[in-house]
């Protein structure tokens, strides 16, 4: 589901759509926020890139 689609449904007054509760959605500086967290749409490559980036950080205790 795309960010514009989610925000459009929320603006139309919908409160729920399939997997998500639209009442928990908001926007901050063009980024979709869901229940206080940044929404990462269903893009496995992007999700894996973010996971690797944060998992492999030395601050996470996993250097490499």
Protein backbone atom coordinates (compact mmCIF):
# COMPACT_ATOMS: atom_id res chain seq x y z
CA UNK A 1 0.00 0.00 0.00
CA UNK A 2 1.36 3.43 -0.94
CA UNK A 3 1.67 6.40 1.42
CA UNK A 4 -0.59 8.62 -0.71
CA UNK A 5 -3.25 5.92 -0.78
CA UNK A 6 -3.17 5.50 3.00
CA UNK A 7 -3.33 9.24 3.70
CA UNK A 8 -6.08 9.67 1.10
CA UNK A 9 -8.22 7.01 2.76
CA UNK A 10 -7.61 8.58 6.15
CA UNK A 11 -8.57 12.02 4.81
CA UNK A 12 -11.81 10.49 3.48
CA UNK A 13 -12.79 9.55 7.02
CA UNK A 14 -11.96 5.84 6.89
CA UNK A 15 -10.65 4.40 10.15
CA UNK A 16 -9.52 0.96 9.02
CA UNK A 17 -8.21 -0.56 5.82
CA UNK A 18 -7.16 -4.19 5.58
CA UNK A 19 -3.99 -4.65 7.59
CA UNK A 20 -3.75 -1.24 9.22
CA UNK A 21 -5.73 1.06 11.49
CA UNK A 22 -5.87 4.38 9.67
CA UNK A 23 -6.52 6.20 12.95
CA UNK A 24 -2.92 5.44 13.96
CA UNK A 25 -1.52 7.02 10.78
CA UNK A 26 -0.14 10.51 10.44
CA UNK A 27 2.31 12.43 8.32
CA UNK A 28 5.41 14.35 9.32
CA UNK A 29 7.51 16.11 6.68
CA UNK A 30 6.22 13.83 3.93
CA UNK A 31 6.90 10.63 5.89
CA UNK A 32 4.07 8.34 6.97
CA UNK A 33 4.08 7.69 10.70
CA UNK A 34 2.17 4.64 11.99
CA UNK A 35 1.67 4.36 15.75
CA UNK A 36 4.74 6.55 16.35
CA UNK A 37 6.99 4.65 13.93
CA UNK A 38 8.09 5.37 10.36
CA UNK A 39 6.08 3.28 7.87
CA UNK A 40 8.21 1.23 5.45
CA UNK A 41 5.98 -0.02 2.66
CA UNK A 42 6.08 -3.56 1.34
CA UNK A 43 9.46 -3.36 -0.38
CA UNK A 44 11.67 -6.26 0.68
CA UNK A 45 14.84 -4.71 -0.72
CA UNK A 46 14.33 -1.47 1.22
CA UNK A 47 13.41 -3.32 4.41
CA UNK A 48 16.50 -5.53 4.14
CA UNK A 49 18.75 -2.53 3.46
CA UNK A 50 17.46 -0.74 6.57
CA UNK A 51 17.78 -3.88 8.69
CA UNK A 52 21.37 -4.51 7.56
CA UNK A 53 22.32 -0.87 8.02
CA UNK A 54 21.13 -0.80 11.62
CA UNK A 55 22.00 -4.38 12.58
CA UNK A 56 25.59 -4.12 11.38
CA UNK A 57 26.29 -0.80 13.08
CA UNK A 58 28.97 -0.95 15.75
CA UNK A 59 26.61 0.81 18.15
CA UNK A 60 24.26 -2.20 17.81
CA UNK A 61 27.04 -4.51 18.96
CA UNK A 62 27.25 -6.31 15.61
CA UNK A 63 30.27 -4.97 13.70
CA UNK A 64 29.83 -6.62 10.32
